[in-house]
Amino acid sequence: MNKVNLVEKEVRDFTNEELAAFRKWFAEFDTRMWDVQLERDIASGKLDFLADEALSSLKTGKCKDI
């Protein structure tokens, strides 16, 4: 049995209170991991094309004021 299967089995056995606490923890954990990945992608230049695209759109008048 792999780790995911073990976790699934444990989660199925949670009480409602445990499940609520797990959901809260996992949402916070997932958000932190997303932030870490985004920071890595920015630092590596992986997302530079998005900034370039936005600046190009701004320079050519394709952007709208919001």
PDB file of N, CA and C in Angstrom:
ATOM      1  N   MET A   1       0.853  -1.183   0.000  1.00  0.00           N
ATOM      2  CA  MET A   1       0.000   0.000   0.000  1.00  0.00           C
ATOM      3  C   MET A   1       0.898   1.246   0.000  1.00  0.00           C
ATOM      4  N   ASN A   2       0.614   2.204  -0.901  1.00  0.00           N
ATOM      5  CA  ASN A   2       1.439   3.407  -0.964  1.00  0.00           C
ATOM      6  C   ASN A   2       0.950   4.459   0.036  1.00  0.00           C
ATOM      7  N   LYS A   3       1.696   5.540   0.152  1.00  0.00           N
ATOM      8  CA  LYS A   3       1.378   6.581   1.138  1.00  0.00           C
ATOM      9  C   LYS A   3       0.005   7.192   0.911  1.00  0.00           C
ATOM     10  N   VAL A   4      -0.335   7.441  -0.352  1.00  0.00           N
ATOM     11  CA  VAL A   4      -1.634   8.056  -0.651  1.00  0.00           C
ATOM     12  C   VAL A   4      -2.768   7.142  -0.175  1.00  0.00           C
ATOM     13  N   ASN A   5      -2.644   5.856  -0.440  1.00  0.00           N
ATOM     14  CA  ASN A   5      -3.668   4.923   0.013  1.00  0.00           C
ATOM     15  C   ASN A   5      -3.782   4.905   1.533  1.00  0.00           C
ATOM     16  N   LEU A   6      -2.649   4.990   2.212  1.00  0.00           N
ATOM     17  CA  LEU A   6      -2.668   5.021   3.668  1.00  0.00           C
ATOM     18  C   LEU A   6      -3.367   6.275   4.187  1.00  0.00           C
ATOM     19  N   VAL A   7      -3.068   7.402   3.580  1.00  0.00           N
ATOM     20  CA  VAL A   7      -3.699   8.653   3.995  1.00  0.00           C
ATOM     21  C   VAL A   7      -5.196   8.601   3.710  1.00  0.00           C
ATOM     22  N   GLU A   8      -5.582   8.090   2.546  1.00  0.00           N
ATOM     23  CA  GLU A   8      -7.004   7.972   2.212  1.00  0.00           C
ATOM     24  C   GLU A   8      -7.744   7.146   3.256  1.00  0.00           C
ATOM     25  N   LYS A   9      -7.124   6.040   3.656  1.00  0.00           N
ATOM     26  CA  LYS A   9      -7.754   5.173   4.660  1.00  0.00           C
ATOM     27  C   LYS A   9      -7.926   5.922   5.968  1.00  0.00           C
ATOM     28  N   GLU A  10      -6.912   6.650   6.385  1.00  0.00           N
ATOM     29  CA  GLU A  10      -6.995   7.412   7.635  1.00  0.00           C
ATOM     30  C   GLU A  10      -8.072   8.491   7.544  1.00  0.00           C
ATOM     31  N   VAL A  11      -8.110   9.217   6.441  1.00  0.00           N
ATOM     32  CA  VAL A  11      -9.070  10.307   6.297  1.00  0.00           C
ATOM     33  C   VAL A  11     -10.497   9.775   6.337  1.00  0.00           C
ATOM     34  N   ARG A  12     -10.721   8.637   5.737  1.00  0.00           N
ATOM     35  CA  ARG A  12     -12.067   8.040   5.762  1.00  0.00           C
ATOM     36  C   ARG A  12     -12.555   7.776   7.188  1.00  0.00           C
ATOM     37  N   ASP A  13     -11.622   7.535   8.088  1.00  0.00           N
ATOM     38  CA  ASP A  13     -11.979   7.206   9.471  1.00  0.00           C
ATOM     39  C   ASP A  13     -12.069   8.430  10.381  1.00  0.00           C
ATOM     40  N   PHE A  14     -11.807   9.627   9.849  1.00  0.00           N
ATOM     41  CA  PHE A  14     -11.873  10.843  10.666  1.00  0.00           C
ATOM     42  C   PHE A  14     -13.289  11.101  11.160  1.00  0.00           C
ATOM     43  N   THR A  15     -13.361  11.694  12.350  1.00  0.00           N
ATOM     44  CA  THR A  15     -14.649  12.219  12.823  1.00  0.00           C
ATOM     45  C   THR A  15     -14.914  13.514  12.054  1.00  0.00           C
ATOM     46  N   ASN A  16     -16.104  14.060  12.175  1.00  0.00           N
ATOM     47  CA  ASN A  16     -16.411  15.322  11.509  1.00  0.00           C
ATOM     48  C   ASN A  16     -15.459  16.422  11.965  1.00  0.00           C
ATOM     49  N   GLU A  17     -15.151  16.454  13.254  1.00  0.00           N
ATOM     50  CA  GLU A  17     -14.247  17.474  13.794  1.00  0.00           C
ATOM     51  C   GLU A  17     -12.828  17.291  13.249  1.00  0.00           C
ATOM     52  N   GLU A  18     -12.366  16.059  13.190  1.00  0.00           N
ATOM     53  CA  GLU A  18     -11.036  15.782  12.650  1.00  0.00           C
ATOM     54  C   GLU A  18     -10.969  16.145  11.169  1.00  0.00           C
ATOM     55  N   LEU A  19     -12.029  15.848  10.449  1.00  0.00           N
ATOM     56  CA  LEU A  19     -12.066  16.163   9.023  1.00  0.00           C
ATOM     57  C   LEU A  19     -12.030  17.676   8.809  1.00  0.00           C
ATOM     58  N   ALA A  20     -12.755  18.426   9.615  1.00  0.00           N
ATOM     59  CA  ALA A  20     -12.740  19.884   9.504  1.00  0.00           C
ATOM     60  C   ALA A  20     -11.340  20.426   9.796  1.00  0.00           C
ATOM     61  N   ALA A  21     -10.688  19.896  10.812  1.00  0.00           N
ATOM     62  CA  ALA A  21      -9.334  20.334  11.160  1.00  0.00           C
ATOM     63  C   ALA A  21      -8.356  19.970  10.043  1.00  0.00           C
ATOM     64  N   PHE A  22      -8.524  18.787   9.466  1.00  0.00           N
ATOM     65  CA  PHE A  22      -7.651  18.364   8.365  1.00  0.00           C
ATOM     66  C   PHE A  22      -7.842  19.254   7.142  1.00  0.00           C
ATOM     67  N   ARG A  23      -9.088  19.558   6.808  1.00  0.00           N
ATOM     68  CA  ARG A  23      -9.359  20.448   5.672  1.00  0.00           C
ATOM     69  C   ARG A  23      -8.675  21.795   5.861  1.00  0.00           C
ATOM     70  N   LYS A  24      -8.791  22.354   7.064  1.00  0.00           N
ATOM     71  CA  LYS A  24      -8.185  23.648   7.358  1.00  0.00           C
ATOM     72  C   LYS A  24      -6.662  23.550   7.209  1.00  0.00           C
ATOM     73  N   TRP A  25      -6.079  22.521   7.822  1.00  0.00           N
ATOM     74  CA  TRP A  25      -4.624  22.345   7.736  1.00  0.00           C
ATOM     75  C   TRP A  25      -4.191  22.180   6.282  1.00  0.00           C
ATOM     76  N   PHE A  26      -4.898  21.336   5.527  1.00  0.00           N
ATOM     77  CA  PHE A  26      -4.482  21.062   4.158  1.00  0.00           C
ATOM     78  C   PHE A  26      -4.609  22.297   3.278  1.00  0.00           C
ATOM     79  N   ALA A  27      -5.654  23.076   3.451  1.00  0.00           N
ATOM     80  CA  ALA A  27      -5.814  24.301   2.661  1.00  0.00           C
ATOM     81  C   ALA A  27      -4.647  25.245   2.927  1.00  0.00           C
ATOM     82  N   GLU A  28      -4.260  25.396   4.194  1.00  0.00           N
ATOM     83  CA  GLU A  28      -3.119  26.251   4.536  1.00  0.00           C
ATOM     84  C   GLU A  28      -1.817  25.685   3.978  1.00  0.00           C
ATOM     85  N   PHE A  29      -1.633  24.396   4.092  1.00  0.00           N
ATOM     86  CA  PHE A  29      -0.439  23.723   3.567  1.00  0.00           C
ATOM     87  C   PHE A  29      -0.355  23.886   2.051  1.00  0.00           C
ATOM     88  N   ASP A  30      -1.460  23.655   1.375  1.00  0.00           N
ATOM     89  CA  ASP A  30      -1.494  23.739  -0.076  1.00  0.00           C
ATOM     90  C   ASP A  30      -1.188  25.163  -0.547  1.00  0.00           C
ATOM     91  N   THR A  31      -1.722  26.136   0.164  1.00  0.00           N
ATOM     92  CA  THR A  31      -1.455  27.536  -0.165  1.00  0.00           C
ATOM     93  C   THR A  31       0.029  27.858  -0.010  1.00  0.00           C
ATOM     94  N   ARG A  32       0.635  27.389   1.086  1.00  0.00           N
ATOM     95  CA  ARG A  32       2.076  27.623   1.297  1.00  0.00           C
ATOM     96  C   ARG A  32       2.900  26.979   0.195  1.00  0.00           C
ATOM     97  N   MET A  33       2.553  25.763  -0.180  1.00  0.00           N
ATOM     98  CA  MET A  33       3.307  25.066  -1.230  1.00  0.00           C
ATOM     99  C   MET A  33       3.162  25.785  -2.568  1.00  0.00           C
ATOM    100  N   TRP A  34       1.963  26.290  -2.859  1.00  0.00           N
ATOM    101  CA  TRP A  34       1.721  27.046  -4.093  1.00  0.00           C
ATOM    102  C   TRP A  34       2.596  28.295  -4.098  1.00  0.00           C
ATOM    103  N   ASP A  35       2.642  29.000  -2.955  1.00  0.00           N
ATOM    104  CA  ASP A  35       3.458  30.210  -2.850  1.00  0.00           C
ATOM    105  C   ASP A  35       4.938  29.910  -3.061  1.00  0.00           C
ATOM    106  N   VAL A  36       5.416  28.827  -2.468  1.00  0.00           N
ATOM    107  CA  VAL A  36       6.819  28.443  -2.625  1.00  0.00           C
ATOM    108  C   VAL A  36       7.125  28.150  -4.093  1.00  0.00           C
ATOM    109  N   GLN A  37       6.256  27.408  -4.757  1.00  0.00           N
ATOM    110  CA  GLN A  37       6.467  27.081  -6.174  1.00  0.00           C
ATOM    111  C   GLN A  37       6.442  28.335  -7.033  1.00  0.00           C
ATOM    112  N   LEU A  38       5.496  29.231  -6.757  1.00  0.00           N
ATOM    113  CA  LEU A  38       5.397  30.470  -7.518  1.00  0.00           C
ATOM    114  C   LEU A  38       6.667  31.303  -7.347  1.00  0.00           C
ATOM    115  N   GLU A  39       7.161  31.406  -6.113  1.00  0.00           N
ATOM    116  CA  GLU A  39       8.397  32.154  -5.861  1.00  0.00           C
ATOM    117  C   GLU A  39       9.572  31.539  -6.617  1.00  0.00           C
ATOM    118  N   ARG A  40       9.644  30.210  -6.643  1.00  0.00           N
ATOM    119  CA  ARG A  40      10.719  29.531  -7.396  1.00  0.00           C
ATOM    120  C   ARG A  40      10.613  29.834  -8.883  1.00  0.00           C
ATOM    121  N   ASP A  41       9.400  29.771  -9.413  1.00  0.00           N
ATOM    122  CA  ASP A  41       9.192  30.024 -10.833  1.00  0.00           C
ATOM    123  C   ASP A  41       9.552  31.466 -11.193  1.00  0.00           C
ATOM    124  N   ILE A  42       9.194  32.404 -10.322  1.00  0.00           N
ATOM    125  CA  ILE A  42       9.534  33.807 -10.567  1.00  0.00           C
ATOM    126  C   ILE A  42      11.042  34.003 -10.529  1.00  0.00           C
ATOM    127  N   ALA A  43      11.695  33.458  -9.500  1.00  0.00           N
ATOM    128  CA  ALA A  43      13.141  33.621  -9.344  1.00  0.00           C
ATOM    129  C   ALA A  43      13.918  32.999 -10.501  1.00  0.00           C
ATOM    130  N   SER A  44      13.400  31.922 -11.052  1.00  0.00           N
ATOM    131  CA  SER A  44      14.098  31.234 -12.145  1.00  0.00           C
ATOM    132  C   SER A  44      13.863  31.894 -13.500  1.00  0.00           C
ATOM    133  N   GLY A  45      12.922  32.852 -13.548  1.00  0.00           N
ATOM    134  CA  GLY A  45      12.605  33.503 -14.812  1.00  0.00           C
ATOM    135  C   GLY A  45      11.567  32.762 -15.633  1.00  0.00           C
ATOM    136  N   LYS A  46      11.034  31.702 -15.071  1.00  0.00           N
ATOM    137  CA  LYS A  46      10.080  30.868 -15.797  1.00  0.00           C
ATOM    138  C   LYS A  46       8.814  31.637 -16.206  1.00  0.00           C
ATOM    139  N   LEU A  47       8.491  32.692 -15.457  1.00  0.00           N
ATOM    140  CA  LEU A  47       7.269  33.440 -15.724  1.00  0.00           C
ATOM    141  C   LEU A  47       7.526  34.790 -16.378  1.00  0.00           C
ATOM    142  N   ASP A  48       8.766  35.048 -16.765  1.00  0.00           N
ATOM    143  CA  ASP A  48       9.107  36.330 -17.386  1.00  0.00           C
ATOM    144  C   ASP A  48       8.273  36.614 -18.631  1.00  0.00           C
ATOM    145  N   PHE A  49       7.930  35.574 -19.355  1.00  0.00           N
ATOM    146  CA  PHE A  49       7.151  35.770 -20.581  1.00  0.00           C
ATOM    147  C   PHE A  49       5.803  36.426 -20.287  1.00  0.00           C
ATOM    148  N   LEU A  50       5.248  36.183 -19.099  1.00  0.00           N
ATOM    149  CA  LEU A  50       3.971  36.799 -18.749  1.00  0.00           C
ATOM    150  C   LEU A  50       4.123  38.308 -18.553  1.00  0.00           C
ATOM    151  N   ALA A  51       5.196  38.716 -17.881  1.00  0.00           N
ATOM    152  CA  ALA A  51       5.456  40.143 -17.695  1.00  0.00           C
ATOM    153  C   ALA A  51       5.728  40.796 -19.044  1.00  0.00           C
ATOM    154  N   ASP A  52       6.500  40.128 -19.878  1.00  0.00           N
ATOM    155  CA  ASP A  52       6.797  40.669 -21.211  1.00  0.00           C
ATOM    156  C   ASP A  52       5.517  40.850 -22.023  1.00  0.00           C
ATOM    157  N   GLU A  53       4.649  39.882 -21.946  1.00  0.00           N
ATOM    158  CA  GLU A  53       3.373  39.932 -22.666  1.00  0.00           C
ATOM    159  C   GLU A  53       2.515  41.092 -22.155  1.00  0.00           C
ATOM    160  N   ALA A  54       2.462  41.269 -20.847  1.00  0.00           N
ATOM    161  CA  ALA A  54       1.665  42.350 -20.264  1.00  0.00           C
ATOM    162  C   ALA A  54       2.227  43.715 -20.648  1.00  0.00           C
ATOM    163  N   LEU A  55       3.541  43.853 -20.583  1.00  0.00           N
ATOM    164  CA  LEU A  55       4.161  45.127 -20.951  1.00  0.00           C
ATOM    165  C   LEU A  55       3.955  45.439 -22.433  1.00  0.00           C
ATOM    166  N   SER A  56       4.028  44.435 -23.261  1.00  0.00           N
ATOM    167  CA  SER A  56       3.798  44.608 -24.688  1.00  0.00           C
ATOM    168  C   SER A  56       2.362  45.069 -24.942  1.00  0.00           C
ATOM    169  N   SER A  57       1.416  44.449 -24.267  1.00  0.00           N
ATOM    170  CA  SER A  57       0.011  44.842 -24.413  1.00  0.00           C
ATOM    171  C   SER A  57      -0.204  46.271 -23.950  1.00  0.00           C
ATOM    172  N   LEU A  58       0.463  46.651 -22.874  1.00  0.00           N
ATOM    173  CA  LEU A  58       0.347  48.019 -22.373  1.00  0.00           C
ATOM    174  C   LEU A  58       0.901  49.017 -23.389  1.00  0.00           C
ATOM    175  N   LYS A  59       2.066  48.705 -23.949  1.00  0.00           N
ATOM    176  CA  LYS A  59       2.712  49.615 -24.898  1.00  0.00           C
ATOM    177  C   LYS A  59       1.912  49.760 -26.192  1.00  0.00           C
ATOM    178  N   THR A  60       1.204  48.727 -26.592  1.00  0.00           N
ATOM    179  CA  THR A  60       0.452  48.782 -27.844  1.00  0.00           C
ATOM    180  C   THR A  60      -1.001  49.218 -27.636  1.00  0.00           C
ATOM    181  N   GLY A  61      -1.334  49.610 -26.410  1.00  0.00           N
ATOM    182  CA  GLY A  61      -2.677  50.105 -26.123  1.00  0.00           C
ATOM    183  C   GLY A  61      -3.750  49.051 -26.022  1.00  0.00           C
ATOM    184  N   LYS A  62      -3.358  47.818 -25.801  1.00  0.00           N
ATOM    185  CA  LYS A  62      -4.360  46.745 -25.715  1.00  0.00           C
ATOM    186  C   LYS A  62      -4.935  46.576 -24.304  1.00  0.00           C
ATOM    187  N   CYS A  63      -4.444  47.370 -23.357  1.00  0.00           N
ATOM    188  CA  CYS A  63      -4.930  47.280 -21.980  1.00  0.00           C
ATOM    189  C   CYS A  63      -6.040  48.297 -21.736  1.00  0.00           C
ATOM    190  N   LYS A  64      -6.917  47.972 -20.834  1.00  0.00           N
ATOM    191  CA  LYS A  64      -8.003  48.865 -20.465  1.00  0.00           C
ATOM    192  C   LYS A  64      -7.831  49.254 -19.008  1.00  0.00           C
ATOM    193  N   ASP A  65      -8.178  50.488 -18.674  1.00  0.00           N
ATOM    194  CA  ASP A  65      -8.191  50.926 -17.292  1.00  0.00           C
ATOM    195  C   ASP A  65      -9.317  50.188 -16.560  1.00  0.00           C
ATOM    196  N   ILE A  66      -9.037  49.832 -15.333  1.00  0.00           N
ATOM    197  CA  ILE A  66     -10.093  49.193 -14.534  1.00  0.00           C
ATOM    198  C   ILE A  66     -10.403  50.027 -13.319  1.00  0.00           C
TER     199      ILE A  66
END
